[in-house]
Amino acid sequence: MYIFLLIAAFVIIVLRETPSLVSRKQWRELIVFSAFSIIAFTLTFLQLIHVKFPDIYQGAEVLKKIPAIHSFLQ
């Protein structure tokens, strides 16, 4: 059910935004819009099917332990 709603929502967004970008020949904006839409759809879909994402704070703590990055952050 939720997957159908997700697909419907993204189809509506794309159908609403894409024609104006194409008619104004804004190809770069269309590429950026498409890339962000694909990323957003993918992440939302993965959350809907309960895929566990890595904790971003643990990654930040690992990066802090690298000497070059630690001295840059000081």
N, C-alpha and C. Protein backbone atom coordinates (compact mmCIF):
# COMPACT_ATOMS: atom_id res chain seq x y z
N MET A 1 0.82 -1.20 0.00
CA MET A 1 0.00 0.00 0.00
C MET A 1 0.87 1.26 0.00
N TYR A 2 1.83 1.31 0.94
CA TYR A 2 2.68 2.49 1.03
C TYR A 2 3.58 2.62 -0.18
N ILE A 3 4.01 1.50 -0.74
CA ILE A 3 4.85 1.55 -1.92
C ILE A 3 4.07 2.15 -3.09
N PHE A 4 2.81 1.79 -3.22
CA PHE A 4 1.97 2.37 -4.27
C PHE A 4 1.83 3.88 -4.08
N LEU A 5 1.62 4.31 -2.85
CA LEU A 5 1.52 5.74 -2.57
C LEU A 5 2.83 6.47 -2.87
N LEU A 6 3.94 5.84 -2.55
CA LEU A 6 5.24 6.43 -2.85
C LEU A 6 5.42 6.61 -4.35
N ILE A 7 5.13 5.58 -5.11
CA ILE A 7 5.26 5.66 -6.56
C ILE A 7 4.32 6.73 -7.12
N ALA A 8 3.08 6.75 -6.64
CA ALA A 8 2.12 7.75 -7.11
C ALA A 8 2.59 9.17 -6.81
N ALA A 9 3.12 9.37 -5.61
CA ALA A 9 3.59 10.71 -5.23
C ALA A 9 4.74 11.17 -6.13
N PHE A 10 5.69 10.28 -6.37
CA PHE A 10 6.82 10.68 -7.22
C PHE A 10 6.41 10.86 -8.67
N VAL A 11 5.47 10.07 -9.15
CA VAL A 11 4.98 10.26 -10.52
C VAL A 11 4.29 11.61 -10.65
N ILE A 12 3.50 11.98 -9.66
CA ILE A 12 2.81 13.28 -9.70
C ILE A 12 3.84 14.42 -9.68
N ILE A 13 4.85 14.30 -8.83
CA ILE A 13 5.88 15.34 -8.75
C ILE A 13 6.61 15.47 -10.09
N VAL A 14 6.99 14.35 -10.66
CA VAL A 14 7.73 14.38 -11.93
C VAL A 14 6.86 14.93 -13.05
N LEU A 15 5.60 14.51 -13.10
CA LEU A 15 4.71 15.00 -14.15
C LEU A 15 4.42 16.50 -14.01
N ARG A 16 4.50 16.99 -12.80
CA ARG A 16 4.23 18.41 -12.58
C ARG A 16 5.45 19.28 -12.89
N GLU A 17 6.64 18.80 -12.57
CA GLU A 17 7.85 19.61 -12.70
C GLU A 17 8.55 19.48 -14.04
N THR A 18 8.54 18.30 -14.61
CA THR A 18 9.33 18.04 -15.81
C THR A 18 8.89 18.84 -17.04
N PRO A 19 7.60 18.94 -17.36
CA PRO A 19 7.23 19.66 -18.60
C PRO A 19 7.71 21.11 -18.65
N SER A 20 7.67 21.80 -17.52
CA SER A 20 8.13 23.19 -17.55
C SER A 20 9.64 23.29 -17.77
N LEU A 21 10.39 22.36 -17.22
CA LEU A 21 11.84 22.38 -17.44
C LEU A 21 12.18 22.06 -18.89
N VAL A 22 11.44 21.13 -19.48
CA VAL A 22 11.69 20.78 -20.87
C VAL A 22 11.28 21.91 -21.80
N SER A 23 10.14 22.53 -21.55
CA SER A 23 9.66 23.59 -22.44
C SER A 23 10.57 24.82 -22.39
N ARG A 24 11.20 25.07 -21.24
CA ARG A 24 12.14 26.19 -21.13
C ARG A 24 13.57 25.78 -21.48
N LYS A 25 13.73 24.53 -21.88
CA LYS A 25 15.03 23.97 -22.27
C LYS A 25 16.09 24.14 -21.17
N GLN A 26 15.69 23.87 -19.96
CA GLN A 26 16.60 23.94 -18.83
C GLN A 26 17.13 22.53 -18.55
N TRP A 27 18.06 22.10 -19.39
CA TRP A 27 18.53 20.72 -19.36
C TRP A 27 19.34 20.43 -18.11
N ARG A 28 20.17 21.37 -17.69
CA ARG A 28 20.97 21.13 -16.48
C ARG A 28 20.07 20.99 -15.26
N GLU A 29 19.08 21.85 -15.16
CA GLU A 29 18.15 21.77 -14.04
C GLU A 29 17.36 20.46 -14.07
N LEU A 30 17.03 20.01 -15.27
CA LEU A 30 16.31 18.74 -15.42
C LEU A 30 17.18 17.57 -14.96
N ILE A 31 18.47 17.62 -15.28
CA ILE A 31 19.38 16.57 -14.85
C ILE A 31 19.51 16.56 -13.33
N VAL A 32 19.67 17.73 -12.73
CA VAL A 32 19.79 17.82 -11.28
C VAL A 32 18.49 17.38 -10.60
N PHE A 33 17.37 17.82 -11.13
CA PHE A 33 16.07 17.41 -10.60
C PHE A 33 15.91 15.90 -10.68
N SER A 34 16.30 15.32 -11.80
CA SER A 34 16.19 13.87 -11.97
C SER A 34 17.09 13.13 -10.99
N ALA A 35 18.30 13.61 -10.82
CA ALA A 35 19.23 12.95 -9.90
C ALA A 35 18.72 13.00 -8.47
N PHE A 36 18.27 14.18 -8.03
CA PHE A 36 17.74 14.28 -6.67
C PHE A 36 16.47 13.46 -6.50
N SER A 37 15.64 13.41 -7.51
CA SER A 37 14.41 12.62 -7.43
C SER A 37 14.72 11.14 -7.32
N ILE A 38 15.69 10.67 -8.09
CA ILE A 38 16.06 9.25 -8.03
C ILE A 38 16.65 8.91 -6.67
N ILE A 39 17.50 9.78 -6.14
CA ILE A 39 18.08 9.55 -4.82
C ILE A 39 16.99 9.54 -3.75
N ALA A 40 16.09 10.51 -3.80
CA ALA A 40 15.01 10.60 -2.81
C ALA A 40 14.09 9.39 -2.90
N PHE A 41 13.74 8.98 -4.12
CA PHE A 41 12.87 7.81 -4.29
C PHE A 41 13.55 6.56 -3.75
N THR A 42 14.82 6.39 -4.07
CA THR A 42 15.54 5.19 -3.63
C THR A 42 15.63 5.12 -2.11
N LEU A 43 16.01 6.22 -1.48
CA LEU A 43 16.13 6.23 -0.02
C LEU A 43 14.78 6.00 0.65
N THR A 44 13.74 6.62 0.12
CA THR A 44 12.41 6.45 0.69
C THR A 44 11.93 5.02 0.52
N PHE A 45 12.17 4.44 -0.66
CA PHE A 45 11.77 3.06 -0.91
C PHE A 45 12.50 2.11 0.04
N LEU A 46 13.79 2.33 0.24
CA LEU A 46 14.55 1.48 1.14
C LEU A 46 14.05 1.58 2.58
N GLN A 47 13.64 2.78 2.98
CA GLN A 47 13.07 2.93 4.32
C GLN A 47 11.74 2.19 4.43
N LEU A 48 10.95 2.22 3.37
CA LEU A 48 9.66 1.54 3.39
C LEU A 48 9.80 0.02 3.52
N ILE A 49 10.85 -0.52 2.94
CA ILE A 49 11.03 -1.98 3.03
C ILE A 49 11.95 -2.35 4.20
N HIS A 50 12.17 -1.39 5.10
CA HIS A 50 12.87 -1.60 6.38
C HIS A 50 14.33 -2.02 6.22
N VAL A 51 15.03 -1.38 5.32
CA VAL A 51 16.47 -1.60 5.19
C VAL A 51 17.15 -0.74 6.25
N LYS A 52 18.08 -1.35 6.98
CA LYS A 52 18.81 -0.63 8.02
C LYS A 52 19.93 0.19 7.39
N PHE A 53 19.98 1.47 7.73
CA PHE A 53 21.03 2.35 7.25
C PHE A 53 22.11 2.45 8.32
N PRO A 54 23.37 2.62 7.89
CA PRO A 54 24.43 2.79 8.88
C PRO A 54 24.24 4.10 9.65
N ASP A 55 24.70 4.10 10.88
CA ASP A 55 24.59 5.27 11.73
C ASP A 55 25.64 6.30 11.32
N ILE A 56 25.20 7.48 10.93
CA ILE A 56 26.12 8.51 10.45
C ILE A 56 27.03 9.02 11.57
N TYR A 57 26.57 8.96 12.79
CA TYR A 57 27.38 9.45 13.90
C TYR A 57 28.57 8.54 14.16
N GLN A 58 28.40 7.24 13.96
CA GLN A 58 29.54 6.34 14.12
C GLN A 58 30.60 6.63 13.05
N GLY A 59 30.17 6.92 11.83
CA GLY A 59 31.11 7.28 10.78
C GLY A 59 31.85 8.57 11.09
N ALA A 60 31.16 9.53 11.68
CA ALA A 60 31.79 10.79 12.05
C ALA A 60 32.82 10.57 13.15
N GLU A 61 32.53 9.69 14.08
CA GLU A 61 33.48 9.40 15.15
C GLU A 61 34.74 8.73 14.59
N VAL A 62 34.57 7.86 13.61
CA VAL A 62 35.73 7.23 12.98
C VAL A 62 36.57 8.27 12.26
N LEU A 63 35.92 9.20 11.56
CA LEU A 63 36.66 10.24 10.86
C LEU A 63 37.42 11.15 11.82
N LYS A 64 36.86 11.39 12.99
CA LYS A 64 37.53 12.25 13.98
C LYS A 64 38.84 11.64 14.46
N LYS A 65 38.94 10.31 14.40
CA LYS A 65 40.13 9.64 14.89
C LYS A 65 41.30 9.70 13.91
N ILE A 66 41.04 10.09 12.67
CA ILE A 66 42.11 10.22 11.68
C ILE A 66 42.86 11.51 11.99
N PRO A 67 44.17 11.44 12.17
CA PRO A 67 44.94 12.62 12.63
C PRO A 67 44.79 13.86 11.75
N ALA A 68 44.82 13.71 10.43
CA ALA A 68 44.74 14.86 9.54
C ALA A 68 43.39 15.55 9.69
N ILE A 69 42.32 14.78 9.78
CA ILE A 69 40.98 15.35 9.91
C ILE A 69 40.79 15.94 11.30
N HIS A 70 41.36 15.26 12.31
CA HIS A 70 41.23 15.77 13.68
C HIS A 70 41.90 17.14 13.82
N SER A 71 43.08 17.30 13.22
CA SER A 71 43.76 18.61 13.31
C SER A 71 43.02 19.66 12.49
N PHE A 72 42.38 19.26 11.41
CA PHE A 72 41.60 20.21 10.59
C PHE A 72 40.38 20.70 11.36
N LEU A 73 39.75 19.83 12.14
CA LEU A 73 38.54 20.19 12.88
C LEU A 73 38.84 21.04 14.10
N GLN A 74 40.08 21.06 14.56
CA GLN A 74 40.43 21.86 15.74
C GLN A 74 40.48 23.27 15.39
